[in-house]
C-alpha atoms as a PDB file:
ATOM      1  CA  MET A   1      -9.878   4.956  19.538  1.00  0.00           C
ATOM      2  CA  ASP A   2      -7.287   2.159  19.110  1.00  0.00           C
ATOM      3  CA  GLN A   3      -5.906   1.468  15.818  1.00  0.00           C
ATOM      4  CA  LYS A   4      -4.186  -1.636  14.449  1.00  0.00           C
ATOM      5  CA  ILE A   5      -1.036  -1.326  12.024  1.00  0.00           C
ATOM      6  CA  SER A   6       0.612  -4.434  10.944  1.00  0.00           C
ATOM      7  CA  THR A   7       2.880  -5.552   7.970  1.00  0.00           C
ATOM      8  CA  ARG A   8       4.359  -8.935   6.563  1.00  0.00           C
ATOM      9  CA  ASP A   9       7.538  -8.168   8.393  1.00  0.00           C
ATOM     10  CA  SER A  10       5.848  -7.263  12.261  1.00  0.00           C
ATOM     11  CA  PRO A  11       3.554  -8.537  14.367  1.00  0.00           C
ATOM     12  CA  PRO A  12       0.176  -5.876  14.428  1.00  0.00           C
ATOM     13  CA  VAL A  13       0.646  -2.658  16.686  1.00  0.00           C
ATOM     14  CA  ILE A  14      -2.116  -1.337  18.306  1.00  0.00           C
ATOM     15  CA  GLY A  15      -2.553   2.060  19.464  1.00  0.00           C
ATOM     16  CA  PRO A  16      -3.603   4.524  20.514  1.00  0.00           C
ATOM     17  CA  PHE A  17      -0.937   6.735  19.069  1.00  0.00           C
ATOM     18  CA  TYR A  18       0.415   9.667  20.788  1.00  0.00           C
ATOM     19  CA  ILE A  19       1.584  12.358  18.228  1.00  0.00           C
ATOM     20  CA  TRP A  20       3.403  15.720  19.121  1.00  0.00           C
ATOM     21  CA  SER A  21       5.493  18.527  18.287  1.00  0.00           C
ATOM     22  CA  VAL A  22       7.919  20.353  20.035  1.00  0.00           C
ATOM     23  CA  ASP A  23       9.797  24.072  19.198  1.00  0.00           C
ATOM     24  CA  LEU A  24      13.535  24.293  19.647  1.00  0.00           C
ATOM     25  CA  ASN A  25      13.246  24.951  23.443  1.00  0.00           C
ATOM     26  CA  PHE A  26      11.051  21.762  23.777  1.00  0.00           C
ATOM     27  CA  ARG A  27       8.007  23.168  24.029  1.00  0.00           C
ATOM     28  CA  LEU A  28       4.524  21.579  23.007  1.00  0.00           C
ATOM     29  CA  VAL A  29       3.485  22.961  19.702  1.00  0.00           C
ATOM     30  CA  THR A  30       1.032  20.183  18.398  1.00  0.00           C
ATOM     31  CA  PHE A  31      -0.471  17.325  19.910  1.00  0.00           C
ATOM     32  CA  ASN A  32      -3.390  14.837  19.411  1.00  0.00           C
ATOM     33  CA  GLN A  33      -6.630  13.925  21.578  1.00  0.00           C
ATOM     34  CA  ALA A  34      -4.747  10.520  22.490  1.00  0.00           C
ATOM     35  CA  LEU A  35      -2.129  12.293  23.947  1.00  0.00           C
ATOM     36  CA  SER A  36      -4.471  14.692  25.374  1.00  0.00           C
ATOM     37  CA  SER A  37      -6.095  12.401  26.865  1.00  0.00           C
ATOM     38  CA  ALA A  38      -3.547  10.349  28.021  1.00  0.00           C
ATOM     39  CA  PHE A  39      -2.276  13.149  29.880  1.00  0.00           C
ATOM     40  CA  ALA A  40      -5.664  13.831  31.331  1.00  0.00           C
ATOM     41  CA  ARG A  41      -6.235   9.930  32.744  1.00  0.00           C
ATOM     42  CA  GLY A  42      -3.130   9.478  33.970  1.00  0.00           C
ATOM     43  CA  ILE A  43      -2.049  12.753  35.904  1.00  0.00           C
ATOM     44  CA  GLY A  44      -4.981  14.898  35.697  1.00  0.00           C
ATOM     45  CA  ALA A  45      -3.263  17.403  33.573  1.00  0.00           C
ATOM     46  CA  LYS A  46      -5.081  19.748  30.994  1.00  0.00           C
ATOM     47  CA  ILE A  47      -1.986  19.840  28.213  1.00  0.00           C
ATOM     48  CA  ALA A  48      -1.489  23.082  26.076  1.00  0.00           C
ATOM     49  CA  ALA A  49       0.473  24.400  23.590  1.00  0.00           C
ATOM     50  CA  GLY A  50       3.772  26.211  25.230  1.00  0.00           C
ATOM     51  CA  MET A  51       3.999  23.690  28.011  1.00  0.00           C
ATOM     52  CA  THR A  52       7.472  22.104  28.571  1.00  0.00           C
ATOM     53  CA  PRO A  53       8.340  18.360  30.183  1.00  0.00           C
ATOM     54  CA  LEU A  54       8.771  20.219  33.389  1.00  0.00           C
ATOM     55  CA  ASP A  55       5.238  21.349  33.122  1.00  0.00           C
ATOM     56  CA  LEU A  56       4.114  18.169  32.077  1.00  0.00           C
ATOM     57  CA  LEU A  57       6.075  15.149  33.774  1.00  0.00           C
ATOM     58  CA  PRO A  58       7.209  14.453  37.301  1.00  0.00           C
ATOM     59  CA  PRO A  59      11.089  16.078  37.689  1.00  0.00           C
ATOM     60  CA  GLU A  60      12.674  12.343  37.032  1.00  0.00           C
ATOM     61  CA  LYS A  61      10.896  12.017  33.804  1.00  0.00           C
ATOM     62  CA  ALA A  62      11.049  15.507  32.514  1.00  0.00           C
ATOM     63  CA  ALA A  63      15.001  15.279  32.916  1.00  0.00           C
ATOM     64  CA  PHE A  64      15.042  12.326  30.539  1.00  0.00           C
ATOM     65  CA  SER A  65      13.127  13.822  27.982  1.00  0.00           C
ATOM     66  CA  PRO A  66      15.261  16.768  26.703  1.00  0.00           C
ATOM     67  CA  PRO A  67      18.192  14.758  25.771  1.00  0.00           C
ATOM     68  CA  ILE A  68      15.402  12.194  23.753  1.00  0.00           C
ATOM     69  CA  SER A  69      14.189  15.658  22.201  1.00  0.00           C
ATOM     70  CA  GLU A  70      17.646  16.780  21.500  1.00  0.00           C
ATOM     71  CA  LYS A  71      18.363  13.635  19.365  1.00  0.00           C
ATOM     72  CA  ALA A  72      15.095  13.456  17.486  1.00  0.00           C
ATOM     73  CA  LEU A  73      15.279  16.975  16.346  1.00  0.00           C
ATOM     74  CA  GLY A  74      19.066  16.384  15.615  1.00  0.00           C
ATOM     75  CA  GLU A  75      18.860  13.393  13.794  1.00  0.00           C
ATOM     76  CA  GLY A  76      15.427  11.612  13.798  1.00  0.00           C
ATOM     77  CA  LEU A  77      14.008   9.287  16.488  1.00  0.00           C
ATOM     78  CA  SER A  78      12.238   6.056  16.001  1.00  0.00           C
ATOM     79  CA  LEU A  79      10.250   4.558  19.033  1.00  0.00           C
ATOM     80  CA  ASP A  80      12.678   1.572  18.887  1.00  0.00           C
ATOM     81  CA  ARG A  81      15.695   3.981  19.294  1.00  0.00           C
ATOM     82  CA  ILE A  82      13.824   5.616  22.025  1.00  0.00           C
ATOM     83  CA  LYS A  83      13.015   2.285  24.035  1.00  0.00           C
ATOM     84  CA  SER A  84      16.782   1.340  23.607  1.00  0.00           C
ATOM     85  CA  ALA A  85      18.207   4.545  24.876  1.00  0.00           C
ATOM     86  CA  ARG A  86      15.903   4.305  27.831  1.00  0.00           C
ATOM     87  CA  PHE A  87      16.699   0.960  28.985  1.00  0.00           C
ATOM     88  CA  SER A  88      20.302   1.478  28.094  1.00  0.00           C
ATOM     89  CA  SER A  89      20.414   4.388  30.686  1.00  0.00           C
ATOM     90  CA  GLY A  90      18.941   2.547  33.033  1.00  0.00           C
ATOM     91  CA  SER A  91      15.505   3.970  33.257  1.00  0.00           C
END
């Protein structure tokens, strides 16, 4: 189900919101139904705890995941910072 979030200082953001957590080896620990459904629709994959980016993504996308995850685990990472890192790396 899509959700709508807005604040006075920003335009509305419409979901679904993909939520997941990984361990220090980048294995999937928890995830929400929206993420599970997106993988099922997008690549026909059923995701499960313990899977890594190599299990879940095409190789060119999986290579991008550890640097972003390392940064998030080390200092926290917002959606804006992820988009900025992605675009500045030429992806």
